[in-house]
Amino acid sequence: MSETIAAFGESGFGASPSDATAIGSARAMLVFRRSPLVTSGDDPFPAPPEPAPASSAAGRVVTPWFNFSVTGDPPCIDGVFHWSERAVLRDQAILAGIAVDDAAAPTPLPRSEFERLADDFATGRSSDAPPELTWLFHQSPRNRRGRFSDVVVDQMHRLSTGAADRYARLAGILAARCIAGGGATISIADIRAARSVPE
């Protein structure tokens, strides 16, 4: 995943060559941040950085995983790419027809809670896992040796890796539209094709 995001940052924000020429002379500051599905321990995971205030930006992209702004003349470009595995998981569950609570923040799960939920599912006990996690459990093979929770983490890694290129391309499209949009604020809801991209 890190190689994919690095390539995105080096290729004109993932835009086509004609779109990328618009940012050739601009100062750009990109921050790439990853939030795993599961923390390494039980300490709270740091919150993602907040996007720049709307009043200071000439153009903005606001999505759950990518915030981008253009300010000044000559333009200064700032972007925060927040690669949240739990947000990716929610997207995949929604595309599979699962109803999820997408209003709640997609924060990483504490390790002990995740392992308890995975063990409950693997042993057939009643589980209070969120819908997107239950969906991931069903996608994870249960005939392997070792802890089921480790199998689920591996399955999440495969899912996340497979989706990274599509998210990078979509972020590039949104960034290019922002640069060409003359001060517009673009949200993920404004892009009709967005739901089909992260499949």
N, C-alpha and C. Protein backbone atom coordinates (compact mmCIF):
# COMPACT_ATOMS: atom_id res chain seq x y z
N MET A 1 0.83 -1.21 0.00
CA MET A 1 0.00 0.00 0.00
C MET A 1 0.86 1.25 0.00
N SER A 2 1.95 1.27 0.78
CA SER A 2 2.78 2.46 0.85
C SER A 2 3.38 2.78 -0.51
N GLU A 3 3.75 1.75 -1.29
CA GLU A 3 4.30 1.99 -2.62
C GLU A 3 3.25 2.62 -3.53
N THR A 4 2.01 2.18 -3.40
CA THR A 4 0.94 2.73 -4.22
C THR A 4 0.72 4.19 -3.92
N ILE A 5 0.68 4.53 -2.63
CA ILE A 5 0.44 5.92 -2.25
C ILE A 5 1.62 6.79 -2.65
N ALA A 6 2.84 6.27 -2.52
CA ALA A 6 4.00 7.04 -2.95
C ALA A 6 3.94 7.31 -4.45
N ALA A 7 3.54 6.31 -5.22
CA ALA A 7 3.42 6.51 -6.66
C ALA A 7 2.35 7.54 -6.98
N PHE A 8 1.27 7.51 -6.21
CA PHE A 8 0.22 8.52 -6.38
C PHE A 8 0.77 9.92 -6.17
N GLY A 9 1.58 10.10 -5.14
CA GLY A 9 2.13 11.42 -4.86
C GLY A 9 3.14 11.89 -5.88
N GLU A 10 3.76 10.95 -6.60
CA GLU A 10 4.79 11.31 -7.56
C GLU A 10 4.26 11.44 -8.98
N SER A 11 2.98 11.19 -9.19
CA SER A 11 2.47 11.12 -10.56
C SER A 11 1.39 12.15 -10.81
N GLY A 12 1.55 13.36 -10.30
CA GLY A 12 0.54 14.38 -10.56
C GLY A 12 -0.76 14.08 -9.86
N PHE A 13 -0.69 13.60 -8.60
CA PHE A 13 -1.88 13.27 -7.81
C PHE A 13 -2.73 12.20 -8.49
N GLY A 14 -2.10 11.34 -9.26
CA GLY A 14 -2.83 10.25 -9.88
C GLY A 14 -3.62 10.68 -11.08
N ALA A 15 -3.52 11.95 -11.51
CA ALA A 15 -4.29 12.43 -12.64
C ALA A 15 -3.62 12.03 -13.94
N SER A 16 -4.35 12.20 -15.05
CA SER A 16 -3.77 11.95 -16.35
C SER A 16 -2.72 13.02 -16.63
N PRO A 17 -1.80 12.80 -17.61
CA PRO A 17 -0.76 13.80 -17.89
C PRO A 17 -1.33 15.18 -18.20
N SER A 18 -2.45 15.23 -18.93
CA SER A 18 -3.01 16.54 -19.27
C SER A 18 -3.53 17.26 -18.03
N ASP A 19 -4.10 16.53 -17.10
CA ASP A 19 -4.58 17.14 -15.86
C ASP A 19 -3.41 17.56 -14.98
N ALA A 20 -2.35 16.79 -14.98
CA ALA A 20 -1.24 17.04 -14.06
C ALA A 20 -0.48 18.31 -14.40
N THR A 21 -0.54 18.77 -15.65
CA THR A 21 0.20 19.97 -16.02
C THR A 21 -0.27 21.18 -15.23
N ALA A 22 -1.49 21.15 -14.74
CA ALA A 22 -2.04 22.29 -14.01
C ALA A 22 -1.33 22.52 -12.69
N ILE A 23 -0.62 21.53 -12.16
CA ILE A 23 0.03 21.70 -10.86
C ILE A 23 1.55 21.76 -10.99
N GLY A 24 2.05 21.85 -12.23
CA GLY A 24 3.49 21.78 -12.42
C GLY A 24 4.26 22.87 -11.71
N SER A 25 3.72 24.09 -11.62
CA SER A 25 4.45 25.21 -11.02
C SER A 25 4.01 25.51 -9.59
N ALA A 26 3.11 24.72 -9.06
CA ALA A 26 2.57 24.99 -7.73
C ALA A 26 3.44 24.35 -6.66
N ARG A 27 3.46 24.97 -5.47
CA ARG A 27 4.07 24.34 -4.31
C ARG A 27 3.09 23.32 -3.76
N ALA A 28 3.55 22.14 -3.49
CA ALA A 28 2.67 21.08 -3.02
C ALA A 28 3.21 20.49 -1.73
N MET A 29 2.32 20.27 -0.78
CA MET A 29 2.66 19.62 0.48
C MET A 29 1.64 18.51 0.71
N LEU A 30 2.10 17.27 0.62
CA LEU A 30 1.22 16.13 0.81
C LEU A 30 1.62 15.38 2.07
N VAL A 31 0.61 14.97 2.81
CA VAL A 31 0.82 14.17 4.02
C VAL A 31 0.07 12.86 3.82
N PHE A 32 0.77 11.76 3.99
CA PHE A 32 0.16 10.44 3.86
C PHE A 32 0.12 9.79 5.24
N ARG A 33 -1.07 9.37 5.64
CA ARG A 33 -1.24 8.84 6.99
C ARG A 33 -2.06 7.55 6.91
N ARG A 34 -1.62 6.53 7.64
CA ARG A 34 -2.30 5.25 7.62
C ARG A 34 -2.89 4.94 8.99
N SER A 35 -4.15 4.52 8.99
CA SER A 35 -4.79 4.03 10.20
C SER A 35 -5.14 2.56 9.98
N PRO A 36 -4.60 1.65 10.78
CA PRO A 36 -4.88 0.23 10.58
C PRO A 36 -6.29 -0.12 11.05
N LEU A 37 -6.75 -1.27 10.65
CA LEU A 37 -8.04 -1.76 11.16
C LEU A 37 -7.93 -2.05 12.65
N VAL A 38 -6.78 -2.57 13.07
CA VAL A 38 -6.57 -3.00 14.45
C VAL A 38 -5.29 -2.37 14.98
N THR A 39 -5.34 -1.83 16.19
CA THR A 39 -4.15 -1.24 16.79
C THR A 39 -3.20 -2.35 17.27
N SER A 40 -1.95 -1.98 17.49
CA SER A 40 -0.98 -2.95 17.98
C SER A 40 -1.19 -3.27 19.46
N GLY A 41 -1.85 -2.37 20.16
CA GLY A 41 -2.18 -2.57 21.57
C GLY A 41 -3.58 -2.06 21.84
N ASP A 42 -3.82 -1.58 23.04
CA ASP A 42 -5.14 -1.08 23.40
C ASP A 42 -5.18 0.43 23.62
N ASP A 43 -4.07 1.12 23.38
CA ASP A 43 -4.07 2.57 23.52
C ASP A 43 -4.86 3.19 22.37
N PRO A 44 -5.56 4.31 22.62
CA PRO A 44 -6.32 4.98 21.55
C PRO A 44 -5.40 5.41 20.42
N PHE A 45 -5.89 5.27 19.18
CA PHE A 45 -5.11 5.67 18.02
C PHE A 45 -5.26 7.17 17.82
N PRO A 46 -4.17 7.90 17.48
CA PRO A 46 -4.28 9.36 17.31
C PRO A 46 -5.29 9.73 16.23
N ALA A 47 -6.00 10.82 16.45
CA ALA A 47 -6.99 11.28 15.48
C ALA A 47 -6.29 11.82 14.25
N PRO A 48 -6.91 11.70 13.06
CA PRO A 48 -6.30 12.24 11.84
C PRO A 48 -6.27 13.75 11.87
N PRO A 49 -5.36 14.38 11.12
CA PRO A 49 -5.30 15.84 11.09
C PRO A 49 -6.54 16.44 10.47
N GLU A 50 -6.90 17.61 10.93
CA GLU A 50 -8.06 18.30 10.39
C GLU A 50 -7.70 19.01 9.09
N PRO A 51 -8.64 19.06 8.11
CA PRO A 51 -8.38 19.82 6.89
C PRO A 51 -8.32 21.31 7.17
N ALA A 52 -7.75 22.07 6.24
CA ALA A 52 -7.64 23.52 6.39
C ALA A 52 -9.03 24.14 6.45
N PRO A 53 -9.20 25.25 7.22
CA PRO A 53 -10.50 25.92 7.27
C PRO A 53 -10.97 26.33 5.89
N ALA A 54 -12.27 26.22 5.65
CA ALA A 54 -12.82 26.51 4.33
C ALA A 54 -12.54 27.93 3.89
N SER A 55 -12.53 28.89 4.83
CA SER A 55 -12.37 30.29 4.47
C SER A 55 -10.99 30.60 3.90
N SER A 56 -9.99 29.76 4.17
CA SER A 56 -8.63 30.05 3.71
C SER A 56 -8.30 29.38 2.39
N ALA A 57 -9.19 28.58 1.86
CA ALA A 57 -8.89 27.81 0.66
C ALA A 57 -9.68 28.32 -0.54
N ALA A 58 -8.99 28.43 -1.68
CA ALA A 58 -9.66 28.83 -2.92
C ALA A 58 -10.43 27.67 -3.53
N GLY A 59 -10.00 26.46 -3.27
CA GLY A 59 -10.69 25.27 -3.75
C GLY A 59 -10.41 24.13 -2.81
N ARG A 60 -11.39 23.25 -2.61
CA ARG A 60 -11.21 22.18 -1.63
C ARG A 60 -11.85 20.89 -2.11
N VAL A 61 -11.24 19.80 -1.70
CA VAL A 61 -11.84 18.47 -1.80
C VAL A 61 -11.98 17.96 -0.37
N VAL A 62 -13.17 17.49 -0.02
CA VAL A 62 -13.41 16.97 1.33
C VAL A 62 -14.03 15.58 1.21
N THR A 63 -13.30 14.56 1.61
CA THR A 63 -13.81 13.20 1.63
C THR A 63 -13.36 12.55 2.94
N PRO A 64 -13.89 11.38 3.28
CA PRO A 64 -13.46 10.72 4.52
C PRO A 64 -11.99 10.30 4.50
N TRP A 65 -11.37 10.20 3.34
CA TRP A 65 -10.02 9.66 3.26
C TRP A 65 -9.04 10.57 2.52
N PHE A 66 -9.51 11.66 1.94
CA PHE A 66 -8.62 12.55 1.21
C PHE A 66 -9.13 13.97 1.33
N ASN A 67 -8.30 14.87 1.87
CA ASN A 67 -8.62 16.29 1.93
C ASN A 67 -7.54 17.06 1.18
N PHE A 68 -7.99 18.02 0.39
CA PHE A 68 -7.09 18.69 -0.55
C PHE A 68 -7.54 20.14 -0.66
N SER A 69 -6.58 21.07 -0.65
CA SER A 69 -6.95 22.48 -0.77
C SER A 69 -5.94 23.22 -1.64
N VAL A 70 -6.42 24.27 -2.30
CA VAL A 70 -5.59 25.14 -3.12
C VAL A 70 -5.74 26.56 -2.59
N THR A 71 -4.63 27.22 -2.31
CA THR A 71 -4.67 28.59 -1.79
C THR A 71 -3.64 29.43 -2.53
N GLY A 72 -3.92 30.75 -2.59
CA GLY A 72 -2.93 31.72 -3.05
C GLY A 72 -2.70 31.77 -4.54
N ASP A 73 -1.84 32.71 -4.94
CA ASP A 73 -1.45 32.91 -6.32
C ASP A 73 0.00 33.39 -6.34
N PRO A 74 0.97 32.58 -6.78
CA PRO A 74 0.79 31.26 -7.38
C PRO A 74 0.23 30.26 -6.38
N PRO A 75 -0.44 29.24 -6.88
CA PRO A 75 -1.18 28.36 -5.98
C PRO A 75 -0.28 27.51 -5.09
N CYS A 76 -0.74 27.30 -3.87
CA CYS A 76 -0.13 26.37 -2.93
C CYS A 76 -1.12 25.23 -2.72
N ILE A 77 -0.64 24.03 -2.83
CA ILE A 77 -1.49 22.85 -2.76
C ILE A 77 -1.15 22.07 -1.49
N ASP A 78 -2.17 21.77 -0.71
CA ASP A 78 -2.00 20.96 0.50
C ASP A 78 -2.96 19.79 0.45
N GLY A 79 -2.45 18.61 0.73
CA GLY A 79 -3.30 17.43 0.72
C GLY A 79 -2.97 16.49 1.85
N VAL A 80 -4.00 15.91 2.44
CA VAL A 80 -3.84 14.88 3.47
C VAL A 80 -4.55 13.63 2.97
N PHE A 81 -3.78 12.59 2.71
CA PHE A 81 -4.33 11.32 2.28
C PHE A 81 -4.36 10.42 3.51
N HIS A 82 -5.56 10.20 4.04
CA HIS A 82 -5.71 9.39 5.26
C HIS A 82 -6.20 8.00 4.85
N TRP A 83 -5.28 7.05 4.80
CA TRP A 83 -5.62 5.70 4.40
C TRP A 83 -6.09 4.93 5.62
N SER A 84 -7.40 4.88 5.79
CA SER A 84 -8.01 4.21 6.93
C SER A 84 -8.52 2.85 6.50
N GLU A 85 -7.94 1.79 7.04
CA GLU A 85 -8.38 0.45 6.67
C GLU A 85 -9.83 0.21 7.06
N ARG A 86 -10.25 0.78 8.17
CA ARG A 86 -11.64 0.55 8.57
C ARG A 86 -12.60 1.28 7.63
N ALA A 87 -12.22 2.48 7.16
CA ALA A 87 -13.06 3.18 6.19
C ALA A 87 -13.13 2.40 4.88
N VAL A 88 -12.00 1.85 4.45
CA VAL A 88 -11.99 1.01 3.25
C VAL A 88 -12.90 -0.19 3.45
N LEU A 89 -12.82 -0.82 4.62
CA LEU A 89 -13.66 -1.97 4.92
C LEU A 89 -15.14 -1.60 4.86
N ARG A 90 -15.50 -0.44 5.40
CA ARG A 90 -16.89 -0.01 5.33
C ARG A 90 -17.35 0.17 3.89
N ASP A 91 -16.49 0.78 3.08
CA ASP A 91 -16.84 0.96 1.67
C ASP A 91 -17.11 -0.38 1.00
N GLN A 92 -16.24 -1.35 1.24
CA GLN A 92 -16.40 -2.65 0.61
C GLN A 92 -17.67 -3.35 1.10
N ALA A 93 -17.98 -3.21 2.39
CA ALA A 93 -19.19 -3.81 2.93
C ALA A 93 -20.43 -3.16 2.32
N ILE A 94 -20.41 -1.83 2.18
CA ILE A 94 -21.54 -1.13 1.57
C ILE A 94 -21.74 -1.59 0.13
N LEU A 95 -20.64 -1.72 -0.63
CA LEU A 95 -20.73 -2.18 -2.01
C LEU A 95 -21.26 -3.60 -2.09
N ALA A 96 -21.07 -4.38 -1.02
CA ALA A 96 -21.60 -5.74 -0.97
C ALA A 96 -23.04 -5.79 -0.48
N GLY A 97 -23.63 -4.62 -0.21
CA GLY A 97 -25.02 -4.57 0.21
C GLY A 97 -25.23 -4.64 1.71
N ILE A 98 -24.18 -4.44 2.49
CA ILE A 98 -24.29 -4.49 3.95
C ILE A 98 -24.61 -3.10 4.49
N ALA A 99 -25.57 -3.01 5.39
CA ALA A 99 -25.91 -1.74 6.04
C ALA A 99 -24.93 -1.49 7.18
N VAL A 100 -24.19 -0.40 7.10
CA VAL A 100 -23.22 -0.07 8.14
C VAL A 100 -23.53 1.30 8.72
N ASP A 101 -22.97 1.56 9.88
CA ASP A 101 -23.13 2.87 10.53
C ASP A 101 -22.01 3.77 10.04
N ASP A 102 -22.21 4.39 8.86
CA ASP A 102 -21.13 5.20 8.30
C ASP A 102 -21.06 6.58 8.92
N ALA A 103 -21.96 6.90 9.87
CA ALA A 103 -21.88 8.18 10.57
C ALA A 103 -20.84 8.14 11.70
N ALA A 104 -20.55 6.95 12.19
CA ALA A 104 -19.56 6.81 13.26
C ALA A 104 -18.15 6.92 12.69
N ALA A 105 -17.24 7.49 13.46
CA ALA A 105 -15.86 7.63 13.01
C ALA A 105 -15.23 6.24 12.81
N PRO A 106 -14.52 6.04 11.69
CA PRO A 106 -13.91 4.73 11.42
C PRO A 106 -12.59 4.54 12.18
N THR A 107 -12.68 4.56 13.48
CA THR A 107 -11.47 4.47 14.30
C THR A 107 -10.97 3.02 14.36
N PRO A 108 -9.65 2.83 14.47
CA PRO A 108 -9.12 1.47 14.60
C PRO A 108 -9.65 0.79 15.85
N LEU A 109 -9.79 -0.52 15.76
CA LEU A 109 -10.27 -1.30 16.89
C LEU A 109 -9.12 -1.65 17.82
N PRO A 110 -9.31 -1.53 19.14
CA PRO A 110 -8.27 -1.99 20.07
C PRO A 110 -8.01 -3.48 19.87
N ARG A 111 -6.76 -3.88 20.00
CA ARG A 111 -6.37 -5.26 19.73
C ARG A 111 -7.18 -6.27 20.52
N SER A 112 -7.36 -6.03 21.81
CA SER A 112 -8.07 -7.02 22.64
C SER A 112 -9.53 -7.14 22.23
N GLU A 113 -10.16 -6.03 21.88
CA GLU A 113 -11.56 -6.08 21.44
C GLU A 113 -11.69 -6.83 20.12
N PHE A 114 -10.78 -6.55 19.19
CA PHE A 114 -10.82 -7.24 17.90
C PHE A 114 -10.64 -8.74 18.07
N GLU A 115 -9.69 -9.15 18.89
CA GLU A 115 -9.45 -10.58 19.08
C GLU A 115 -10.64 -11.25 19.75
N ARG A 116 -11.30 -10.54 20.67
CA ARG A 116 -12.49 -11.11 21.31
C ARG A 116 -13.60 -11.31 20.28
N LEU A 117 -13.82 -10.30 19.44
CA LEU A 117 -14.88 -10.39 18.43
C LEU A 117 -14.59 -11.51 17.43
N ALA A 118 -13.32 -11.62 17.02
CA ALA A 118 -12.95 -12.68 16.08
C ALA A 118 -13.12 -14.06 16.71
N ASP A 119 -12.72 -14.20 17.96
CA ASP A 119 -12.88 -15.49 18.64
C ASP A 119 -14.35 -15.84 18.81
N ASP A 120 -15.18 -14.85 19.14
CA ASP A 120 -16.61 -15.10 19.27
C ASP A 120 -17.19 -15.62 17.96
N PHE A 121 -16.80 -14.99 16.86
CA PHE A 121 -17.32 -15.41 15.56
C PHE A 121 -16.84 -16.81 15.21
N ALA A 122 -15.55 -17.06 15.41
CA ALA A 122 -14.97 -18.35 15.02
C ALA A 122 -15.55 -19.51 15.81
N THR A 123 -15.95 -19.26 17.05
CA THR A 123 -16.49 -20.32 17.90
C THR A 123 -18.01 -20.36 17.91
N GLY A 124 -18.65 -19.50 17.12
CA GLY A 124 -20.10 -19.52 17.01
C GLY A 124 -20.83 -18.84 18.13
N ARG A 125 -20.10 -18.11 18.99
CA ARG A 125 -20.77 -17.39 20.07
C ARG A 125 -21.42 -16.12 19.53
N SER A 126 -22.40 -15.63 20.26
CA SER A 126 -23.06 -14.38 19.89
C SER A 126 -22.03 -13.26 19.87
N SER A 127 -22.07 -12.44 18.82
CA SER A 127 -21.07 -11.40 18.66
C SER A 127 -21.73 -10.04 18.50
N ASP A 128 -21.10 -9.02 19.07
CA ASP A 128 -21.59 -7.65 18.92
C ASP A 128 -20.68 -6.87 17.96
N ALA A 129 -20.06 -7.58 17.02
CA ALA A 129 -19.17 -6.93 16.06
C ALA A 129 -19.96 -5.99 15.16
N PRO A 130 -19.37 -4.86 14.76
CA PRO A 130 -20.03 -3.97 13.80
C PRO A 130 -20.24 -4.70 12.48
N PRO A 131 -21.24 -4.28 11.69
CA PRO A 131 -21.59 -5.02 10.47
C PRO A 131 -20.44 -5.20 9.50
N GLU A 132 -19.61 -4.15 9.33
CA GLU A 132 -18.52 -4.29 8.36
C GLU A 132 -17.50 -5.33 8.81
N LEU A 133 -17.30 -5.46 10.13
CA LEU A 133 -16.36 -6.45 10.63
C LEU A 133 -16.93 -7.86 10.49
N THR A 134 -18.23 -8.00 10.76
CA THR A 134 -18.87 -9.30 10.55
C THR A 134 -18.76 -9.73 9.10
N TRP A 135 -18.94 -8.78 8.18
CA TRP A 135 -18.78 -9.08 6.76
C TRP A 135 -17.35 -9.57 6.47
N LEU A 136 -16.35 -8.90 7.05
CA LEU A 136 -14.96 -9.33 6.85
C LEU A 136 -14.73 -10.72 7.42
N PHE A 137 -15.31 -11.01 8.57
CA PHE A 137 -15.19 -12.35 9.14
C PHE A 137 -15.68 -13.40 8.14
N HIS A 138 -16.82 -13.12 7.51
CA HIS A 138 -17.38 -14.07 6.55
C HIS A 138 -16.50 -14.23 5.31
N GLN A 139 -15.72 -13.20 4.98
CA GLN A 139 -14.83 -13.28 3.82
C GLN A 139 -13.51 -13.98 4.14
N SER A 140 -13.27 -14.24 5.40
CA SER A 140 -11.98 -14.80 5.83
C SER A 140 -12.08 -16.31 6.00
N PRO A 141 -11.13 -17.07 5.42
CA PRO A 141 -11.18 -18.53 5.55
C PRO A 141 -10.99 -18.98 6.99
N ARG A 142 -11.72 -20.03 7.35
CA ARG A 142 -11.64 -20.52 8.74
C ARG A 142 -11.04 -21.91 8.83
N ASN A 143 -10.44 -22.38 7.76
CA ASN A 143 -9.87 -23.72 7.78
C ASN A 143 -8.35 -23.71 7.85
N ARG A 144 -7.79 -22.58 8.29
CA ARG A 144 -6.34 -22.47 8.42
C ARG A 144 -5.92 -22.67 9.88
N ARG A 145 -4.66 -23.05 10.06
CA ARG A 145 -4.12 -23.16 11.41
C ARG A 145 -3.83 -21.77 11.95
N GLY A 146 -3.75 -21.70 13.26
CA GLY A 146 -3.48 -20.41 13.89
C GLY A 146 -4.75 -19.70 14.29
N ARG A 147 -4.60 -18.55 14.88
CA ARG A 147 -5.74 -17.79 15.38
C ARG A 147 -6.52 -17.19 14.23
N PHE A 148 -7.83 -17.25 14.36
CA PHE A 148 -8.70 -16.68 13.33
C PHE A 148 -8.46 -15.18 13.19
N SER A 149 -8.16 -14.50 14.29
CA SER A 149 -7.93 -13.06 14.22
C SER A 149 -6.76 -12.73 13.30
N ASP A 150 -5.72 -13.58 13.28
CA ASP A 150 -4.59 -13.34 12.38
C ASP A 150 -5.00 -13.55 10.92
N VAL A 151 -5.85 -14.52 10.68
CA VAL A 151 -6.36 -14.76 9.32
C VAL A 151 -7.16 -13.55 8.84
N VAL A 152 -7.96 -12.98 9.74
CA VAL A 152 -8.78 -11.81 9.38
C VAL A 152 -7.89 -10.62 9.04
N VAL A 153 -6.84 -10.41 9.81
CA VAL A 153 -5.91 -9.30 9.52
C VAL A 153 -5.27 -9.50 8.15
N ASP A 154 -4.90 -10.73 7.82
CA ASP A 154 -4.33 -11.01 6.49
C ASP A 154 -5.35 -10.73 5.39
N GLN A 155 -6.59 -11.10 5.63
CA GLN A 155 -7.64 -10.85 4.64
C GLN A 155 -7.86 -9.36 4.45
N MET A 156 -7.82 -8.59 5.54
CA MET A 156 -7.96 -7.14 5.45
C MET A 156 -6.81 -6.55 4.65
N HIS A 157 -5.61 -7.06 4.83
CA HIS A 157 -4.45 -6.57 4.08
C HIS A 157 -4.65 -6.81 2.58
N ARG A 158 -5.13 -7.98 2.21
CA ARG A 158 -5.36 -8.27 0.79
C ARG A 158 -6.43 -7.35 0.22
N LEU A 159 -7.50 -7.15 0.96
CA LEU A 159 -8.57 -6.27 0.51
C LEU A 159 -8.07 -4.85 0.35
N SER A 160 -7.31 -4.37 1.33
CA SER A 160 -6.80 -3.00 1.31
C SER A 160 -5.83 -2.79 0.15
N THR A 161 -4.94 -3.76 -0.07
CA THR A 161 -3.98 -3.65 -1.16
C THR A 161 -4.68 -3.63 -2.51
N GLY A 162 -5.71 -4.45 -2.65
CA GLY A 162 -6.44 -4.50 -3.91
C GLY A 162 -7.19 -3.22 -4.21
N ALA A 163 -7.59 -2.47 -3.18
CA ALA A 163 -8.37 -1.25 -3.37
C ALA A 163 -7.51 0.00 -3.51
N ALA A 164 -6.24 -0.06 -3.13
CA ALA A 164 -5.42 1.15 -3.03
C ALA A 164 -5.30 1.88 -4.36
N ASP A 165 -5.06 1.17 -5.46
CA ASP A 165 -4.90 1.83 -6.75
C ASP A 165 -6.17 2.58 -7.14
N ARG A 166 -7.32 1.99 -6.86
CA ARG A 166 -8.58 2.64 -7.23
C ARG A 166 -8.81 3.91 -6.42
N TYR A 167 -8.50 3.87 -5.14
CA TYR A 167 -8.64 5.07 -4.32
C TYR A 167 -7.67 6.16 -4.77
N ALA A 168 -6.45 5.77 -5.13
CA ALA A 168 -5.47 6.75 -5.60
C ALA A 168 -5.94 7.40 -6.89
N ARG A 169 -6.51 6.62 -7.81
CA ARG A 169 -7.01 7.20 -9.06
C ARG A 169 -8.16 8.16 -8.79
N LEU A 170 -9.06 7.77 -7.89
CA LEU A 170 -10.19 8.64 -7.57
C LEU A 170 -9.70 9.93 -6.92
N ALA A 171 -8.73 9.83 -6.02
CA ALA A 171 -8.18 11.04 -5.40
C ALA A 171 -7.56 11.95 -6.45
N GLY A 172 -6.89 11.37 -7.44
CA GLY A 172 -6.32 12.17 -8.51
C GLY A 172 -7.37 12.90 -9.32
N ILE A 173 -8.48 12.22 -9.61
CA ILE A 173 -9.58 12.85 -10.34
C ILE A 173 -10.14 14.03 -9.54
N LEU A 174 -10.37 13.81 -8.24
CA LEU A 174 -10.92 14.87 -7.41
C LEU A 174 -9.97 16.05 -7.30
N ALA A 175 -8.66 15.77 -7.15
CA ALA A 175 -7.68 16.85 -7.05
C ALA A 175 -7.63 17.66 -8.34
N ALA A 176 -7.65 16.98 -9.49
CA ALA A 176 -7.61 17.69 -10.77
C ALA A 176 -8.86 18.55 -10.95
N ARG A 177 -10.01 18.05 -10.54
CA ARG A 177 -11.24 18.85 -10.65
C ARG A 177 -11.19 20.06 -9.73
N CYS A 178 -10.59 19.88 -8.56
CA CYS A 178 -10.47 21.00 -7.63
C CYS A 178 -9.59 22.09 -8.23
N ILE A 179 -8.47 21.72 -8.81
CA ILE A 179 -7.55 22.69 -9.40
C ILE A 179 -8.21 23.44 -10.54
N ALA A 180 -9.01 22.73 -11.33
CA ALA A 180 -9.65 23.35 -12.49
C ALA A 180 -10.99 23.99 -12.15
N GLY A 181 -11.44 23.85 -10.90
CA GLY A 181 -12.80 24.24 -10.56
C GLY A 181 -13.01 25.68 -10.16
N GLY A 182 -11.95 26.47 -10.02
CA GLY A 182 -12.12 27.88 -9.72
C GLY A 182 -12.75 28.18 -8.38
N GLY A 183 -12.31 27.51 -7.33
CA GLY A 183 -12.79 27.84 -5.99
C GLY A 183 -13.90 26.98 -5.46
N ALA A 184 -14.27 25.94 -6.19
CA ALA A 184 -15.37 25.09 -5.74
C ALA A 184 -14.91 24.17 -4.62
N THR A 185 -15.87 23.77 -3.78
CA THR A 185 -15.64 22.72 -2.80
C THR A 185 -16.27 21.45 -3.34
N ILE A 186 -15.49 20.40 -3.43
CA ILE A 186 -15.94 19.14 -4.00
C ILE A 186 -15.98 18.11 -2.88
N SER A 187 -17.10 17.41 -2.75
CA SER A 187 -17.19 16.33 -1.78
C SER A 187 -17.41 15.03 -2.52
N ILE A 188 -17.23 13.94 -1.82
CA ILE A 188 -17.39 12.64 -2.45
C ILE A 188 -18.81 12.45 -2.96
N ALA A 189 -19.77 13.10 -2.32
CA ALA A 189 -21.17 12.97 -2.75
C ALA A 189 -21.41 13.63 -4.10
N ASP A 190 -20.52 14.53 -4.53
CA ASP A 190 -20.69 15.22 -5.80
C ASP A 190 -20.22 14.40 -6.99
N ILE A 191 -19.52 13.32 -6.75
CA ILE A 191 -18.96 12.53 -7.83
C ILE A 191 -19.84 11.30 -8.03
N ARG A 192 -20.61 11.30 -9.09
CA ARG A 192 -21.60 10.24 -9.31
C ARG A 192 -20.95 8.87 -9.42
N ALA A 193 -19.76 8.82 -10.01
CA ALA A 193 -19.11 7.54 -10.24
C ALA A 193 -18.32 7.04 -9.05
N ALA A 194 -18.29 7.81 -7.97
CA ALA A 194 -17.40 7.46 -6.86
C ALA A 194 -17.71 6.10 -6.26
N ARG A 195 -18.97 5.73 -6.16
CA ARG A 195 -19.32 4.46 -5.51
C ARG A 195 -18.79 3.26 -6.28
N SER A 196 -18.61 3.41 -7.60
CA SER A 196 -18.15 2.27 -8.38
C SER A 196 -16.64 2.14 -8.41
N VAL A 197 -15.91 3.18 -8.00
CA VAL A 197 -14.46 3.15 -8.14
C VAL A 197 -13.79 2.21 -7.15
N PRO A 198 -14.12 2.23 -5.83
CA PRO A 198 -13.37 1.40 -4.89
C PRO A 198 -13.84 -0.04 -4.81
N GLU A 199 -14.37 -0.62 -5.89
CA GLU A 199 -14.88 -1.98 -5.81
C GLU A 199 -13.74 -2.98 -5.68
